[in-house]
N, C-alpha and C. Protein backbone atom coordinates (compact mmCIF):
# COMPACT_ATOMS: atom_id res chain seq x y z
N MET A 1 2.90 35.89 -4.41
CA MET A 1 3.24 34.73 -3.25
C MET A 1 4.54 34.99 -3.44
N LEU A 2 5.62 35.28 -4.54
CA LEU A 2 6.32 35.70 -4.35
C LEU A 2 7.11 36.70 -3.32
N PHE A 3 6.52 37.91 -3.64
CA PHE A 3 6.58 38.57 -2.55
C PHE A 3 6.29 38.15 -1.22
N LEU A 4 5.77 37.99 -1.19
CA LEU A 4 4.63 37.82 0.36
C LEU A 4 5.23 36.24 0.95
N GLY A 5 5.67 35.26 0.03
CA GLY A 5 7.26 34.89 1.22
C GLY A 5 8.09 35.20 1.04
N LEU A 6 8.99 36.60 0.58
CA LEU A 6 10.39 37.22 0.59
C LEU A 6 9.71 38.44 1.79
N ALA A 7 8.45 39.22 1.84
CA ALA A 7 7.75 40.23 2.94
C ALA A 7 7.88 38.93 4.61
N LEU A 8 7.57 37.73 3.92
CA LEU A 8 7.30 36.98 5.42
C LEU A 8 9.20 37.00 6.15
N THR A 9 9.76 36.86 5.32
CA THR A 9 10.58 36.21 6.37
C THR A 9 11.02 36.81 7.18
N PRO A 10 12.26 38.60 7.25
CA PRO A 10 11.73 39.48 8.45
C PRO A 10 11.06 39.12 9.45
N GLY A 11 9.29 38.32 9.50
CA GLY A 11 8.27 37.51 10.62
C GLY A 11 8.81 37.09 11.25
N ILE A 12 9.37 35.68 10.56
CA ILE A 12 9.93 34.72 10.54
C ILE A 12 11.68 34.26 11.84
N CYS A 13 12.35 35.88 11.63
CA CYS A 13 13.32 35.83 12.12
C CYS A 13 12.77 36.68 13.24
N ALA A 14 11.18 36.64 13.64
CA ALA A 14 11.17 38.07 15.30
C ALA A 14 11.29 37.62 15.66
N THR A 15 9.85 35.84 14.70
CA THR A 15 9.89 35.19 16.32
C THR A 15 10.47 33.80 16.43
N ALA A 16 11.01 34.31 15.96
CA ALA A 16 12.14 33.21 16.28
C ALA A 16 13.47 34.01 17.36
N GLN A 17 13.20 35.44 17.28
CA GLN A 17 13.90 35.45 18.26
C GLN A 17 13.38 34.99 19.97
N LYS A 18 12.63 34.99 19.88
CA LYS A 18 11.62 35.02 21.30
C LYS A 18 12.43 33.81 21.76
N LEU A 19 12.54 32.64 21.33
CA LEU A 19 12.78 31.55 21.22
C LEU A 19 14.64 31.71 21.97
N LYS A 20 14.25 31.32 22.83
CA LYS A 20 16.79 31.09 22.59
C LYS A 20 17.21 30.06 22.90
N GLU A 21 16.58 28.92 22.16
CA GLU A 21 17.60 28.03 22.28
C GLU A 21 16.38 26.75 20.23
N HIS A 22 17.22 26.20 19.71
CA HIS A 22 16.33 25.29 18.81
C HIS A 22 16.34 24.40 18.44
N ASN A 23 16.08 23.24 18.11
CA ASN A 23 16.53 21.79 18.28
C ASN A 23 16.72 21.84 16.78
N LEU A 24 18.10 21.32 16.23
CA LEU A 24 18.62 21.55 14.82
C LEU A 24 18.29 19.58 14.77
N THR A 25 17.98 19.28 14.02
CA THR A 25 18.06 17.53 13.82
C THR A 25 17.96 16.91 12.26
N ILE A 26 19.59 16.41 12.31
CA ILE A 26 19.90 15.72 10.77
C ILE A 26 19.64 14.56 10.71
N THR A 27 19.44 13.98 9.62
CA THR A 27 20.01 12.65 9.17
C THR A 27 19.82 12.18 7.99
N MET A 28 20.17 11.00 8.18
CA MET A 28 20.77 11.48 6.41
C MET A 28 21.12 9.31 6.56
N THR A 29 20.12 9.17 5.03
CA THR A 29 20.59 7.84 5.08
C THR A 29 21.00 7.88 3.43
N ASP A 30 21.79 7.80 2.93
CA ASP A 30 22.73 6.53 1.47
C ASP A 30 21.67 5.51 0.60
N GLU A 31 21.90 5.27 0.01
CA GLU A 31 21.57 3.78 -0.49
C GLU A 31 22.90 3.45 -0.59
N ASN A 32 24.58 3.73 -0.17
CA ASN A 32 26.03 2.51 0.35
C ASN A 32 25.42 1.94 1.92
N GLY A 33 23.65 2.60 2.34
CA GLY A 33 23.31 2.14 3.62
C GLY A 33 24.71 3.18 4.81
N PHE A 34 24.72 3.97 4.53
CA PHE A 34 25.75 5.19 5.73
C PHE A 34 24.46 6.15 6.13
N ASN A 35 24.86 5.97 6.80
CA ASN A 35 23.96 6.85 7.56
C ASN A 35 24.12 7.37 9.05
N PHE A 36 23.10 8.53 9.55
CA PHE A 36 23.64 9.12 11.37
C PHE A 36 22.19 10.08 11.10
N LYS A 37 22.52 9.96 12.45
CA LYS A 37 21.05 11.09 12.80
C LYS A 37 22.32 11.79 14.52
N PHE A 38 21.76 12.96 14.25
CA PHE A 38 22.58 14.10 15.42
C PHE A 38 20.99 14.86 15.30
N GLN A 39 21.18 16.41 16.76
CA GLN A 39 19.84 16.10 17.39
C GLN A 39 20.71 16.89 18.42
N LYS A 40 20.63 18.54 17.29
CA LYS A 40 20.85 19.30 19.07
C LYS A 40 20.43 20.91 19.28
N LEU A 41 20.64 21.67 20.34
CA LEU A 41 20.27 22.66 20.83
C LEU A 41 21.50 24.17 20.35
N VAL A 42 20.94 24.34 20.07
CA VAL A 42 21.04 25.35 18.87
C VAL A 42 20.26 27.34 18.92
N THR A 43 21.73 28.13 19.22
CA THR A 43 20.87 28.75 19.46
C THR A 43 20.67 29.75 19.37
N HIS A 44 20.16 31.10 19.39
CA HIS A 44 19.49 31.23 18.19
C HIS A 44 20.35 32.57 16.96
N ASN A 45 21.42 32.56 17.35
CA ASN A 45 22.49 33.14 16.33
C ASN A 45 22.10 32.07 15.59
N GLN A 46 23.27 31.20 16.22
CA GLN A 46 23.85 30.23 15.75
C GLN A 46 22.70 29.74 14.17
N LEU A 47 20.97 29.46 14.64
CA LEU A 47 19.80 29.68 13.96
C LEU A 47 20.18 30.57 12.63
N GLU A 48 20.10 31.98 12.54
CA GLU A 48 20.40 32.65 12.58
C GLU A 48 21.11 32.69 11.21
N GLU A 49 22.57 32.29 11.45
CA GLU A 49 23.47 31.35 10.12
C GLU A 49 23.02 31.09 9.13
N VAL A 50 22.56 29.85 9.56
CA VAL A 50 22.16 29.00 8.65
C VAL A 50 20.61 29.86 8.01
N ASN A 51 20.02 30.27 8.96
CA ASN A 51 18.86 31.23 8.44
C ASN A 51 19.05 32.02 7.30
N ASP A 52 20.86 32.95 7.12
CA ASP A 52 21.18 33.62 5.74
C ASP A 52 21.48 33.25 5.01
N SER A 53 22.15 31.48 4.82
CA SER A 53 23.11 31.20 3.65
C SER A 53 21.37 30.40 3.28
N VAL A 54 20.59 30.27 4.12
CA VAL A 54 19.44 29.64 3.17
C VAL A 54 18.83 30.39 2.12
N ASN A 55 18.96 31.70 2.96
CA ASN A 55 17.78 32.88 2.33
C ASN A 55 18.96 33.15 1.60
N GLU A 56 20.56 33.21 1.16
CA GLU A 56 21.23 33.58 0.07
C GLU A 56 21.24 32.18 -1.33
N PHE A 57 20.73 30.85 -0.82
CA PHE A 57 20.16 29.79 -1.18
C PHE A 57 19.56 30.61 -2.61
N ILE A 58 17.59 30.86 -1.76
CA ILE A 58 16.67 31.18 -2.58
C ILE A 58 16.65 32.22 -2.95
N MET A 59 17.80 33.05 -2.29
CA MET A 59 18.07 34.65 -3.78
C MET A 59 18.91 33.79 -4.87
N LEU A 60 19.40 32.98 -5.40
CA LEU A 60 20.37 32.66 -6.22
C LEU A 60 19.16 31.83 -7.01
N THR A 61 18.75 31.15 -6.12
CA THR A 61 17.38 30.41 -6.99
C THR A 61 16.61 31.14 -8.50
N LYS A 62 15.92 32.91 -7.44
CA LYS A 62 15.45 33.27 -7.83
C LYS A 62 15.83 34.07 -9.10
N ASP A 63 17.26 34.21 -9.24
CA ASP A 63 17.28 33.95 -10.22
C ASP A 63 17.95 33.34 -11.13
N VAL A 64 17.93 31.24 -10.94
CA VAL A 64 18.31 30.78 -11.20
C VAL A 64 16.97 30.73 -12.11
N VAL A 65 15.87 31.00 -12.12
CA VAL A 65 14.49 30.38 -12.57
C VAL A 65 14.12 31.42 -12.86
N SER A 66 14.93 32.49 -13.24
CA SER A 66 14.04 33.22 -13.66
C SER A 66 13.74 33.66 -15.78
N GLU A 67 13.62 33.83 -16.38
CA GLU A 67 13.03 33.94 -17.48
C GLU A 67 14.65 34.46 -18.09
N ASP A 68 14.92 34.92 -17.82
CA ASP A 68 15.82 35.83 -18.29
C ASP A 68 17.86 35.34 -17.63
N SER A 69 17.67 34.31 -17.04
CA SER A 69 19.12 33.91 -16.57
C SER A 69 19.40 32.42 -18.20
N PRO A 70 20.32 32.49 -17.85
CA PRO A 70 21.04 31.75 -19.25
C PRO A 70 20.03 30.75 -19.48
N GLY A 71 19.40 29.81 -19.43
CA GLY A 71 19.02 28.42 -18.92
C GLY A 71 17.45 28.63 -18.80
N GLY A 72 17.26 29.75 -19.15
CA GLY A 72 15.16 30.57 -19.28
C GLY A 72 15.59 29.69 -18.22
N SER A 73 13.95 29.14 -17.97
CA SER A 73 12.98 28.36 -16.79
C SER A 73 13.79 27.48 -15.88
N ASP A 74 15.22 27.36 -17.08
CA ASP A 74 15.55 26.04 -17.20
C ASP A 74 16.72 26.16 -16.51
N VAL A 75 17.33 24.83 -15.53
CA VAL A 75 18.53 24.86 -15.08
C VAL A 75 19.27 24.16 -15.59
N GLU A 76 20.55 25.43 -15.94
CA GLU A 76 21.79 24.64 -16.35
C GLU A 76 22.57 23.99 -16.35
N GLU A 77 24.03 23.40 -16.45
CA GLU A 77 24.07 22.59 -15.57
C GLU A 77 25.77 23.99 -14.95
N SER A 78 25.92 24.83 -15.12
CA SER A 78 26.56 26.09 -14.66
C SER A 78 26.32 26.26 -13.08
N GLU A 79 24.26 27.01 -13.28
CA GLU A 79 23.90 27.20 -13.09
C GLU A 79 23.58 25.53 -11.65
N TRP A 80 23.01 24.64 -11.32
CA TRP A 80 24.08 23.99 -10.67
C TRP A 80 24.73 23.39 -9.67
N GLU A 81 25.86 23.96 -10.32
CA GLU A 81 27.37 24.52 -9.80
C GLU A 81 26.80 25.49 -8.72
N LYS A 82 26.80 26.33 -9.50
CA LYS A 82 26.99 27.54 -7.98
C LYS A 82 25.61 26.65 -7.23
N LEU A 83 24.68 26.58 -6.86
CA LEU A 83 23.28 26.12 -6.52
C LEU A 83 24.41 25.34 -5.29
N GLN A 84 24.95 23.77 -5.76
CA GLN A 84 25.63 23.03 -5.50
C GLN A 84 26.29 23.69 -4.36
N SER A 85 27.22 24.83 -4.52
CA SER A 85 28.58 25.06 -3.75
C SER A 85 27.23 25.83 -2.96
N LYS A 86 26.58 27.13 -2.77
CA LYS A 86 25.84 27.25 -2.48
C LYS A 86 24.93 26.35 -1.34
N VAL A 87 24.67 25.36 -0.89
CA VAL A 87 24.56 24.07 -0.61
C VAL A 87 25.83 23.29 0.56
N PHE A 88 27.08 23.25 -0.48
CA PHE A 88 28.19 23.40 0.73
C PHE A 88 28.72 24.37 1.96
N ILE A 89 28.16 24.80 1.79
CA ILE A 89 28.53 26.43 2.92
C ILE A 89 27.34 25.82 4.15
N VAL A 90 26.36 25.30 3.44
CA VAL A 90 25.13 25.01 4.32
C VAL A 90 25.64 24.47 4.92
N VAL A 91 27.16 23.01 4.51
CA VAL A 91 26.93 22.16 5.41
C VAL A 91 28.30 21.66 6.38
N ASP A 92 29.22 23.06 5.41
CA ASP A 92 29.63 23.89 6.43
C ASP A 92 29.57 24.22 7.83
N ILE A 93 28.56 24.82 8.06
CA ILE A 93 28.58 25.93 8.93
C ILE A 93 27.43 24.35 9.50
N LEU A 94 26.91 23.57 9.79
CA LEU A 94 26.31 22.60 10.28
C LEU A 94 27.32 21.66 10.96
N ALA A 95 28.29 21.62 9.51
CA ALA A 95 29.45 20.72 11.07
C ALA A 95 30.15 21.48 11.80
N SER A 96 30.12 23.31 11.72
CA SER A 96 31.09 23.66 12.35
C SER A 96 30.02 24.00 14.04
N LEU A 97 28.66 23.56 14.12
CA LEU A 97 27.19 23.54 15.08
C LEU A 97 27.87 22.01 15.75
N VAL A 98 28.49 21.45 14.74
CA VAL A 98 27.40 19.96 15.18
C VAL A 98 28.90 19.20 16.14
N GLY A 99 30.25 19.56 15.25
CA GLY A 99 30.88 18.92 15.49
C GLY A 99 31.46 18.19 14.52
N LYS A 100 33.18 17.37 15.39
CA LYS A 100 34.13 16.80 14.79
C LYS A 100 33.44 15.86 13.97
N ASN A 101 32.00 15.36 14.78
CA ASN A 101 32.08 14.02 14.11
C ASN A 101 30.90 14.26 12.62
N PHE A 102 30.64 15.85 12.52
CA PHE A 102 29.52 15.52 11.29
C PHE A 102 30.01 14.59 10.29
N PRO A 103 29.98 13.91 9.53
CA PRO A 103 30.91 13.66 8.04
C PRO A 103 30.11 14.53 7.14
N VAL A 104 30.92 15.20 6.83
CA VAL A 104 30.59 16.94 5.60
C VAL A 104 31.94 16.30 4.39
N GLU A 105 32.29 15.56 4.09
CA GLU A 105 32.50 14.58 2.27
C GLU A 105 32.02 14.27 2.01
N GLU A 106 31.34 13.08 3.45
CA GLU A 106 30.00 11.92 3.32
C GLU A 106 28.42 12.60 3.05
N THR A 107 28.18 14.18 3.61
CA THR A 107 27.51 14.94 3.48
C THR A 107 28.14 15.73 1.75
N LYS A 108 28.81 15.75 1.81
CA LYS A 108 28.42 16.60 0.05
C LYS A 108 28.31 15.49 -0.84
N GLN A 109 29.37 14.75 -0.30
CA GLN A 109 29.69 13.56 -1.67
C GLN A 109 27.61 13.39 -2.23
N TYR A 110 26.32 13.13 -1.12
CA TYR A 110 25.53 12.67 -1.66
C TYR A 110 24.86 13.90 -1.82
N VAL A 111 25.33 15.06 -1.64
CA VAL A 111 24.73 16.14 -2.34
C VAL A 111 24.71 16.45 -3.37
N SER A 112 25.78 16.36 -4.08
CA SER A 112 26.78 15.78 -5.42
C SER A 112 25.96 14.82 -6.00
N SER A 113 25.40 14.21 -5.95
CA SER A 113 25.15 12.70 -6.75
C SER A 113 23.99 13.01 -6.89
N VAL A 114 22.92 13.49 -5.95
CA VAL A 114 21.79 14.15 -5.61
C VAL A 114 21.59 15.19 -7.20
N VAL A 115 21.71 16.27 -7.13
CA VAL A 115 22.67 16.89 -8.45
C VAL A 115 22.71 16.59 -9.48
N SER A 116 23.52 15.14 -9.49
CA SER A 116 24.37 14.55 -10.37
C SER A 116 23.60 13.67 -11.20
N THR A 117 22.32 13.61 -10.93
CA THR A 117 21.01 12.73 -11.00
C THR A 117 19.99 13.61 -11.86
N LEU A 118 20.09 14.43 -10.73
CA LEU A 118 18.65 15.48 -11.82
C LEU A 118 19.60 16.06 -13.53
N LEU A 119 21.23 16.41 -12.97
CA LEU A 119 21.90 17.01 -14.76
C LEU A 119 21.25 15.81 -15.57
N LYS A 120 21.32 14.39 -15.85
CA LYS A 120 21.49 13.54 -16.86
C LYS A 120 19.67 13.73 -17.55
N PHE A 121 19.16 14.09 -16.77
CA PHE A 121 17.54 14.06 -17.60
C PHE A 121 16.81 12.64 -18.10
N HIS A 122 17.32 12.23 -17.01
CA HIS A 122 16.17 10.61 -17.74
C HIS A 122 15.58 10.38 -17.01
N TYR A 123 14.29 9.02 -17.29
CA TYR A 123 13.45 9.11 -16.20
C TYR A 123 13.52 8.41 -14.50
N THR A 124 13.67 8.53 -13.80
CA THR A 124 13.73 7.43 -12.95
C THR A 124 12.25 6.73 -11.54
N LEU A 125 12.19 5.80 -10.82
CA LEU A 125 11.13 5.79 -10.82
C LEU A 125 11.90 5.99 -9.41
N ARG A 126 12.66 6.44 -8.93
CA ARG A 126 13.32 6.68 -7.71
C ARG A 126 12.97 8.53 -8.19
N GLN A 127 12.79 8.66 -7.69
CA GLN A 127 12.73 10.38 -8.28
C GLN A 127 13.78 11.05 -7.43
N PRO A 128 14.58 12.05 -7.66
CA PRO A 128 15.72 13.07 -7.06
C PRO A 128 14.71 14.38 -6.44
N LEU A 129 15.31 14.30 -5.35
CA LEU A 129 14.51 15.73 -4.74
C LEU A 129 15.56 16.18 -4.09
N ILE A 130 15.38 17.89 -4.00
CA ILE A 130 16.20 18.67 -3.87
C ILE A 130 15.30 20.34 -2.98
N SER A 131 15.13 19.91 -1.92
CA SER A 131 13.48 20.81 -2.05
C SER A 131 14.34 21.76 -0.34
N ILE A 132 14.82 23.24 -0.23
CA ILE A 132 15.08 24.19 0.49
C ILE A 132 14.80 24.71 0.73
N GLY A 133 14.42 25.77 1.82
CA GLY A 133 13.70 27.00 2.06
C GLY A 133 13.63 27.43 3.11
N ILE A 134 12.26 27.87 3.55
CA ILE A 134 12.33 28.50 4.89
C ILE A 134 10.51 28.13 5.49
N GLY A 135 10.27 27.45 5.93
CA GLY A 135 8.91 26.58 6.61
C GLY A 135 8.57 25.32 7.11
N ILE A 136 7.97 24.30 6.74
CA ILE A 136 7.66 23.85 7.97
C ILE A 136 8.17 22.13 7.75
N THR A 137 8.32 21.41 8.16
CA THR A 137 8.58 20.13 7.23
C THR A 137 7.67 19.08 8.63
N TRP A 138 7.04 18.57 8.76
CA TRP A 138 5.67 17.13 9.05
C TRP A 138 6.55 16.40 8.99
N ILE A 139 6.30 15.42 9.43
CA ILE A 139 7.21 13.66 9.23
C ILE A 139 6.25 12.80 10.19
N PRO A 140 5.52 13.14 9.51
CA PRO A 140 4.03 12.24 10.79
C PRO A 140 5.10 10.55 11.11
N PHE A 141 4.38 9.55 12.22
CA PHE A 141 4.97 9.24 12.26
C PHE A 141 6.50 9.14 13.38
N TYR A 142 6.14 9.90 13.70
CA TYR A 142 7.23 10.44 14.33
C TYR A 142 8.81 10.05 13.91
N ASP A 143 9.45 10.51 13.41
CA ASP A 143 10.07 10.66 12.30
C ASP A 143 10.78 8.78 12.31
N TYR A 144 9.58 7.92 11.40
CA TYR A 144 10.09 6.60 11.16
C TYR A 144 10.09 5.24 12.48
N GLU A 145 9.49 5.29 13.54
CA GLU A 145 9.73 5.08 14.68
C GLU A 145 8.42 3.86 15.35
N THR A 146 7.12 4.09 13.97
CA THR A 146 6.49 3.17 14.47
C THR A 146 6.48 2.45 12.90
N MET A 147 6.73 1.01 13.07
CA MET A 147 6.17 0.21 11.60
C MET A 147 5.79 0.72 10.14
N LEU A 148 4.37 1.41 10.67
CA LEU A 148 3.95 2.19 9.80
C LEU A 148 5.13 3.64 8.93
N GLY A 149 5.37 3.96 9.16
CA GLY A 149 6.35 5.20 9.49
C GLY A 149 7.37 4.77 8.83
N ARG A 150 8.32 3.59 9.72
CA ARG A 150 9.48 2.70 8.50
C ARG A 150 9.03 2.21 7.20
N LEU A 151 7.97 1.98 7.30
CA LEU A 151 7.15 1.02 6.47
C LEU A 151 6.88 2.35 4.57
N ILE A 152 6.38 3.75 5.13
CA ILE A 152 6.09 4.41 3.90
C ILE A 152 7.37 5.45 4.57
N LYS A 153 7.38 5.87 4.86
CA LYS A 153 8.81 6.63 4.94
C LYS A 153 8.23 8.18 4.86
N PRO A 154 7.00 8.98 5.43
CA PRO A 154 6.68 10.47 4.09
C PRO A 154 7.01 10.95 4.83
N VAL A 155 7.45 12.52 4.26
CA VAL A 155 7.77 13.63 4.00
C VAL A 155 7.26 14.78 3.74
N PHE A 156 6.50 15.84 4.36
CA PHE A 156 5.42 16.26 3.83
C PHE A 156 6.69 18.47 4.62
N ILE A 157 6.34 18.80 3.75
CA ILE A 157 7.02 20.69 3.70
C ILE A 157 6.04 21.50 2.91
N HIS A 158 6.12 22.38 3.68
CA HIS A 158 5.63 23.47 3.54
C HIS A 158 6.40 25.57 3.72
N HIS A 159 6.58 25.41 2.08
CA HIS A 159 7.76 26.57 2.69
C HIS A 159 7.13 27.42 2.29
N LEU A 160 7.50 28.80 3.85
CA LEU A 160 6.38 29.92 3.09
C LEU A 160 7.02 30.26 1.88
N ILE A 161 8.67 30.05 1.21
CA ILE A 161 9.47 30.88 0.49
C ILE A 161 10.46 29.50 0.51
N GLY A 162 10.88 29.19 -0.90
CA GLY A 162 12.07 27.73 -1.13
C GLY A 162 12.00 27.17 -2.39
N PHE A 163 12.68 26.37 -2.72
CA PHE A 163 13.36 26.40 -3.84
C PHE A 163 13.03 23.95 -4.04
N SER A 164 12.58 23.53 -4.70
CA SER A 164 12.35 22.09 -4.91
C SER A 164 13.27 22.13 -6.63
N ALA A 165 12.94 20.62 -6.53
CA ALA A 165 13.37 19.90 -7.38
C ALA A 165 12.87 18.71 -7.75
N THR A 166 12.49 17.92 -8.66
CA THR A 166 12.60 16.97 -9.24
C THR A 166 12.23 16.25 -10.15
N PHE A 167 12.20 15.22 -10.89
CA PHE A 167 11.13 14.65 -11.41
C PHE A 167 9.49 13.74 -11.64
N TYR A 168 8.62 14.73 -11.86
CA TYR A 168 7.34 13.93 -12.05
C TYR A 168 7.36 12.33 -12.76
N LEU A 169 6.90 11.52 -11.86
CA LEU A 169 6.35 10.37 -13.36
C LEU A 169 5.08 10.70 -13.97
N ASN A 170 5.56 11.19 -15.18
CA ASN A 170 4.59 11.99 -16.01
C ASN A 170 5.30 11.48 -17.25
N PRO A 171 4.74 10.77 -17.14
CA PRO A 171 5.00 9.62 -19.83
C PRO A 171 5.34 10.99 -20.12
N PHE A 172 4.02 11.77 -20.88
CA PHE A 172 4.72 13.08 -20.79
C PHE A 172 5.47 14.05 -20.56
N LYS A 173 5.98 13.74 -19.93
CA LYS A 173 7.46 14.81 -19.25
C LYS A 173 9.04 13.80 -19.06
N LEU A 174 9.23 12.89 -19.49
CA LEU A 174 9.96 12.52 -19.64
C LEU A 174 11.16 12.49 -19.61
N GLY A 175 12.04 13.06 -18.78
CA GLY A 175 14.00 13.55 -18.76
C GLY A 175 12.89 15.02 -19.00
N PHE A 176 12.41 16.24 -18.22
CA PHE A 176 12.15 16.60 -17.39
C PHE A 176 12.32 17.74 -16.19
N PRO A 177 13.31 17.66 -15.24
CA PRO A 177 12.94 18.29 -13.49
C PRO A 177 11.69 19.14 -14.11
N SER A 178 11.16 18.73 -12.82
CA SER A 178 10.14 20.23 -13.26
C SER A 178 10.48 20.82 -11.13
N PHE A 179 10.52 22.43 -11.10
CA PHE A 179 10.76 22.64 -10.00
C PHE A 179 9.69 23.51 -10.11
N SER A 180 9.79 23.97 -9.05
CA SER A 180 8.99 24.91 -7.77
C SER A 180 9.01 26.05 -7.07
N TYR A 181 9.17 27.22 -6.60
CA TYR A 181 9.55 28.75 -6.16
C TYR A 181 8.63 29.20 -4.98
N GLY A 182 9.72 30.07 -4.62
CA GLY A 182 8.22 30.96 -3.70
C GLY A 182 6.81 29.76 -2.40
N LEU A 183 6.49 30.19 -2.48
CA LEU A 183 5.59 29.39 -1.46
C LEU A 183 4.72 27.72 -2.28
N HIS A 184 4.89 27.57 -1.73
CA HIS A 184 4.85 25.69 -2.36
C HIS A 184 4.63 24.71 -1.01
N ARG A 185 4.79 23.33 -1.61
CA ARG A 185 4.88 22.32 -0.89
C ARG A 185 4.97 21.10 -1.33
N VAL A 186 5.69 20.23 -1.02
CA VAL A 186 6.22 18.95 -1.01
C VAL A 186 6.00 18.00 -0.11
N ARG A 187 5.98 17.19 -0.71
CA ARG A 187 5.88 15.63 -0.60
C ARG A 187 6.66 14.95 -1.33
N THR A 188 6.50 13.78 -0.20
CA THR A 188 7.93 12.77 -1.05
C THR A 188 6.47 11.20 0.28
N PHE A 189 7.31 10.10 0.26
CA PHE A 189 6.69 8.84 0.97
C PHE A 189 8.07 8.00 0.33
N PHE A 190 8.41 7.06 1.02
CA PHE A 190 10.11 6.25 0.93
C PHE A 190 11.11 6.77 0.17
N PHE A 191 11.07 8.04 1.40
CA PHE A 191 12.14 8.78 1.50
C PHE A 191 13.54 8.71 1.68
N SER A 192 14.82 8.19 0.92
CA SER A 192 16.33 8.43 1.43
C SER A 192 17.00 9.46 1.17
N GLY A 193 17.52 9.51 2.08
CA GLY A 193 18.59 10.71 1.73
C GLY A 193 19.10 11.76 3.25
N LEU A 194 19.41 13.62 2.70
CA LEU A 194 19.21 14.51 3.56
C LEU A 194 18.57 14.76 4.29
N LEU A 195 17.96 15.09 5.97
CA LEU A 195 17.10 15.51 6.24
C LEU A 195 17.70 16.82 6.55
N ILE A 196 17.42 18.25 6.90
CA ILE A 196 17.25 18.88 7.95
C ILE A 196 16.62 19.97 8.86
N ASP A 197 15.94 19.63 9.95
CA ASP A 197 14.85 20.15 10.05
C ASP A 197 15.43 21.21 11.51
N PHE A 198 14.63 22.08 12.08
CA PHE A 198 15.27 23.14 13.23
C PHE A 198 14.16 23.50 13.96
N SER A 199 13.17 21.76 14.52
CA SER A 199 12.32 21.62 15.51
C SER A 199 12.16 20.48 15.54
N ASP A 200 11.10 19.93 16.93
CA ASP A 200 11.89 18.43 17.03
C ASP A 200 10.77 17.66 15.85
N ILE A 201 10.91 16.29 15.60
CA ILE A 201 10.17 15.31 15.02
C ILE A 201 9.57 14.97 15.36
N GLY A 202 8.42 15.37 14.64
CA GLY A 202 6.87 15.54 14.80
C GLY A 202 5.96 15.52 13.99
N TYR A 203 4.97 16.34 15.73
CA TYR A 203 3.78 17.28 15.03
C TYR A 203 3.93 18.63 15.49
N ASP A 204 5.56 18.95 16.53
CA ASP A 204 5.35 19.94 17.52
C ASP A 204 6.20 20.81 15.87
N ARG A 205 6.14 21.47 15.38
CA ARG A 205 6.27 22.64 14.48
C ARG A 205 6.84 23.20 14.75
N ILE A 206 7.58 24.23 13.99
CA ILE A 206 8.54 26.08 14.36
C ILE A 206 8.90 25.51 12.80
N VAL A 207 9.03 27.66 12.05
CA VAL A 207 9.58 28.25 10.97
C VAL A 207 10.54 28.23 11.04
N GLY A 208 11.28 27.07 10.78
CA GLY A 208 13.52 27.54 9.97
C GLY A 208 13.69 27.51 8.84
N PRO A 209 14.80 26.83 8.53
CA PRO A 209 15.60 26.53 7.39
C PRO A 209 15.63 25.46 7.50
N GLN A 210 14.75 24.24 6.61
CA GLN A 210 14.16 22.90 5.73
C GLN A 210 15.09 22.53 5.10
N ILE A 211 15.64 21.36 4.37
CA ILE A 211 16.44 21.23 3.72
C ILE A 211 16.53 19.58 4.04
N LEU A 212 15.99 19.62 2.64
CA LEU A 212 15.61 17.69 1.82
C LEU A 212 15.93 17.61 -0.11
N ILE A 213 17.03 16.85 0.54
CA ILE A 213 18.25 16.39 -0.27
C ILE A 213 17.67 14.80 -0.12
N GLY A 214 17.38 14.47 -1.70
CA GLY A 214 17.91 12.50 -1.99
C GLY A 214 16.83 11.98 -2.69
N TYR A 215 16.10 10.71 -2.43
CA TYR A 215 15.36 9.83 -3.28
C TYR A 215 14.01 9.41 -2.59
N GLY A 216 12.67 9.94 -3.25
CA GLY A 216 11.39 8.59 -2.76
C GLY A 216 10.95 9.02 -3.83
N LEU A 217 9.35 7.98 -3.36
CA LEU A 217 8.42 8.18 -4.62
C LEU A 217 7.65 8.61 -4.56
N PHE A 218 6.41 9.00 -5.52
CA PHE A 218 4.88 10.20 -5.29
C PHE A 218 5.55 11.45 -5.09
N THR A 219 6.44 11.60 -5.77
CA THR A 219 7.03 13.68 -4.81
C THR A 219 6.25 13.86 -5.10
N GLY A 220 6.18 15.32 -5.56
CA GLY A 220 4.88 16.25 -6.29
C GLY A 220 5.40 17.31 -5.49
N PHE A 221 4.71 18.77 -5.62
CA PHE A 221 5.02 20.08 -5.66
C PHE A 221 3.31 20.21 -5.48
N ALA A 222 3.22 20.96 -4.53
CA ALA A 222 1.48 21.98 -4.87
C ALA A 222 0.82 23.17 -4.54
């Protein structure tokens, strides 16, 4: 499955070349009430710049979750620091695309707070979630514009290749974060946090970089 996902990436890029512009959507709502939303058309070259940076993150996570890494299949604090630095590079690229109104430091601080929660290794009802990869994001109810959407805030991601980390609400795995790498699906409800997607919110999906960092309930991988 892992090699299949890697093999699909060139095909993804070839498909993207057929499209002249892509709709970049960035939203974030943090626990302090800070929120923003940006939507911007970006060129294929700009998309590829983000795509390359996300692929570098994915390749780093492949090494991090390897049994031969310092922490084995677990992710040590020093490895999280490397992953966080890669995410910061993506944030800087997005800031250059959006312009001076993009809150770079606030976004980085939020990413750091989610990583810190994962490093605490303790049970939490609101599950921290980091999910980055190449795939498709589906948000029912069109970006929470309906009453039901605003109430349950569901997000579903299908990564052709990616990395995800969270805590499972499982009494037999308290304090142990769970990871998924490669081809996998992510679900979360009552989500708040950072969402970066390269297509229109709703049902019209295209394959591209997908980033979800924040907190949710009933979060899981498949």
